[in-house]
Amino acid sequence: MKNKSDNNYSDDLMLLKKSEQSYPDNDPDYRILESFDNRYSDRGFWVTFDCPEFTTRCPITNQPDFGKIVISYIPGKKCIESKSLKLYLFSFRNFSTFHEESINKIRDDLVDACSPQELIVEGFFNARGGISINVKTTYKA
């Protein structure tokens, strides 16, 4: 195991180092997601991201849909870097998709990016037309 002084995370995390950021637009691409080595891959621990300002667009009306995304996972050999996750989720802002599709895309892209042991992605979308939609998908290696 590495010591804290052997910390070379910044060599691999390109987005975190940038002070100026251009935000991805209309292209939620898993390649935006960056990861770093999990120093504690020998133990199962949960990481939870609470993202209360998720926005996407209805593919029929093009109206904005607002919601909260909660991502919980047990890392494998890699952990997701949070700034890259923020930028990835931000890229849905002008993307037209149904709630069910966006949550399943996030699940698939996170699995591709970090190969977690376990993953839960939940979307809690604000009511439109008197109905709110909650979507949950899971993954287990």
Protein backbone atom coordinates (compact mmCIF):
# COMPACT_ATOMS: atom_id res chain seq x y z
CA MET A 1 0.00 0.00 0.00
CA LYS A 2 1.22 3.51 -0.84
CA ASN A 3 1.91 6.15 1.77
CA LYS A 4 0.07 9.44 1.63
CA SER A 5 3.33 11.03 0.56
CA ASP A 6 3.34 8.79 -2.54
CA ASN A 7 0.22 10.56 -3.77
CA ASN A 8 0.45 11.06 -7.55
CA TYR A 9 -3.29 11.31 -8.19
CA SER A 10 -2.95 14.57 -10.04
CA ASP A 11 -0.95 12.93 -12.82
CA ASP A 12 -4.06 11.11 -14.06
CA LEU A 13 -6.89 13.50 -13.16
CA MET A 14 -6.89 16.05 -15.96
CA LEU A 15 -10.27 17.69 -15.30
CA LEU A 16 -9.60 18.28 -11.61
CA LYS A 17 -6.40 20.19 -12.41
CA LYS A 18 -8.08 22.60 -14.81
CA SER A 19 -9.10 25.91 -13.28
CA GLU A 20 -11.02 27.01 -16.37
CA GLN A 21 -13.70 24.67 -17.60
CA SER A 22 -15.74 24.45 -20.76
CA TYR A 23 -18.82 22.40 -20.01
CA PRO A 24 -19.85 19.55 -22.30
CA ASP A 25 -23.07 20.31 -24.10
CA ASN A 26 -25.67 17.84 -25.28
CA ASP A 27 -23.32 14.85 -25.26
CA PRO A 28 -23.30 12.72 -22.11
CA ASP A 29 -20.22 10.66 -22.93
CA TYR A 30 -18.76 8.19 -20.43
CA ARG A 31 -15.25 9.25 -21.54
CA ILE A 32 -15.78 12.45 -19.53
CA LEU A 33 -15.64 10.30 -16.40
CA GLU A 34 -12.22 10.03 -14.79
CA SER A 35 -11.17 7.59 -12.10
CA PHE A 36 -8.31 7.05 -9.72
CA ASP A 37 -6.81 3.97 -8.09
CA ASN A 38 -8.71 2.65 -5.09
CA ARG A 39 -6.09 2.11 -2.38
CA TYR A 40 -8.61 0.15 -0.34
CA SER A 41 -9.93 -2.25 -2.97
CA ASP A 42 -9.43 -5.09 -0.49
CA ARG A 43 -12.41 -3.89 1.56
CA GLY A 44 -15.98 -3.24 0.57
CA PHE A 45 -17.02 0.33 1.31
CA TRP A 46 -19.84 2.41 -0.13
CA VAL A 47 -19.41 5.78 -1.81
CA THR A 48 -22.51 7.92 -2.32
CA PHE A 49 -22.89 10.95 -4.57
CA ASP A 50 -25.96 13.11 -3.99
CA CYS A 51 -26.62 15.28 -7.04
CA PRO A 52 -29.67 17.49 -6.34
CA GLU A 53 -29.52 19.66 -9.49
CA PHE A 54 -29.81 17.19 -12.38
CA THR A 55 -31.44 18.53 -15.53
CA THR A 56 -32.33 16.92 -18.83
CA ARG A 57 -34.90 17.60 -21.56
CA CYS A 58 -38.06 15.80 -22.52
CA PRO A 59 -37.53 14.21 -25.97
CA ILE A 60 -41.10 15.02 -26.98
CA THR A 61 -41.75 18.55 -25.65
CA ASN A 62 -38.12 19.70 -25.27
CA GLN A 63 -39.13 21.09 -21.86
CA PRO A 64 -36.56 20.84 -19.06
CA ASP A 65 -36.93 18.06 -16.52
CA PHE A 66 -35.39 18.57 -13.09
CA GLY A 67 -34.47 15.93 -10.59
CA LYS A 68 -32.09 14.56 -8.05
CA ILE A 69 -29.64 11.75 -8.81
CA VAL A 70 -28.22 9.53 -6.06
CA ILE A 71 -25.34 7.25 -7.01
CA SER A 72 -24.04 4.69 -4.51
CA TYR A 73 -21.32 2.20 -5.32
CA ILE A 74 -18.75 -0.17 -3.89
CA PRO A 75 -15.56 0.61 -5.83
CA GLY A 76 -13.50 -2.09 -7.44
CA LYS A 77 -9.94 -1.14 -8.41
CA LYS A 78 -11.01 2.41 -9.41
CA CYS A 79 -13.01 5.25 -7.83
CA ILE A 80 -14.89 7.91 -9.76
CA GLU A 81 -13.44 11.42 -9.50
CA SER A 82 -16.25 13.76 -8.39
CA LYS A 83 -15.53 16.77 -10.63
CA SER A 84 -15.62 14.59 -13.73
CA LEU A 85 -18.92 13.13 -12.50
CA LYS A 86 -20.30 16.66 -12.06
CA LEU A 87 -19.31 17.56 -15.63
CA TYR A 88 -20.71 14.29 -16.95
CA LEU A 89 -24.07 14.87 -15.24
CA PHE A 90 -24.05 18.50 -16.38
CA SER A 91 -23.78 17.28 -19.98
CA PHE A 92 -27.35 15.94 -19.73
CA ARG A 93 -28.67 19.51 -19.42
CA ASN A 94 -29.49 19.85 -23.13
CA PHE A 95 -29.79 16.14 -23.87
CA SER A 96 -33.24 14.90 -24.86
CA THR A 97 -34.11 11.64 -23.16
CA PHE A 98 -36.71 9.96 -20.99
CA HIS A 99 -36.04 9.61 -17.25
CA GLU A 100 -35.73 5.83 -17.50
CA GLU A 101 -33.17 6.12 -20.30
CA SER A 102 -31.03 8.73 -18.53
CA ILE A 103 -30.76 6.68 -15.32
CA ASN A 104 -29.87 3.50 -17.22
CA LYS A 105 -27.31 5.40 -19.32
CA ILE A 106 -25.67 6.77 -16.17
CA ARG A 107 -25.53 3.21 -14.76
CA ASP A 108 -23.95 1.78 -17.91
CA ASP A 109 -21.44 4.63 -18.23
CA LEU A 110 -20.32 4.34 -14.59
CA VAL A 111 -19.85 0.59 -14.97
CA ASP A 112 -17.73 1.23 -18.08
CA ALA A 113 -15.71 3.95 -16.34
CA CYS A 114 -14.79 2.22 -13.08
CA SER A 115 -16.00 -1.41 -12.98
CA PRO A 116 -17.56 -1.20 -9.50
CA GLN A 117 -18.31 -4.22 -7.36
CA GLU A 118 -21.84 -2.94 -6.88
CA LEU A 119 -23.74 0.12 -8.07
CA ILE A 120 -27.13 1.74 -7.47
CA VAL A 121 -28.31 4.73 -9.51
CA GLU A 122 -31.55 6.43 -8.49
CA GLY A 123 -33.33 9.34 -10.13
CA PHE A 124 -36.02 11.32 -8.31
CA PHE A 125 -37.64 13.60 -10.87
CA ASN A 126 -39.83 16.58 -10.07
CA ALA A 127 -43.52 16.32 -10.86
CA ARG A 128 -44.76 17.41 -14.27
CA GLY A 129 -48.44 17.12 -15.04
CA GLY A 130 -49.08 15.98 -11.47
CA ILE A 131 -46.85 12.88 -11.64
CA SER A 132 -43.32 12.52 -10.38
CA ILE A 133 -41.15 9.68 -11.63
CA ASN A 134 -38.53 7.80 -9.63
CA VAL A 135 -36.19 5.38 -11.40
CA LYS A 136 -33.74 2.95 -9.78
CA THR A 137 -31.29 0.61 -11.47
CA THR A 138 -28.63 -1.64 -9.99
CA TYR A 139 -25.49 -3.49 -11.00
CA LYS A 140 -23.55 -6.26 -9.30
CA ALA A 141 -20.30 -7.68 -10.67
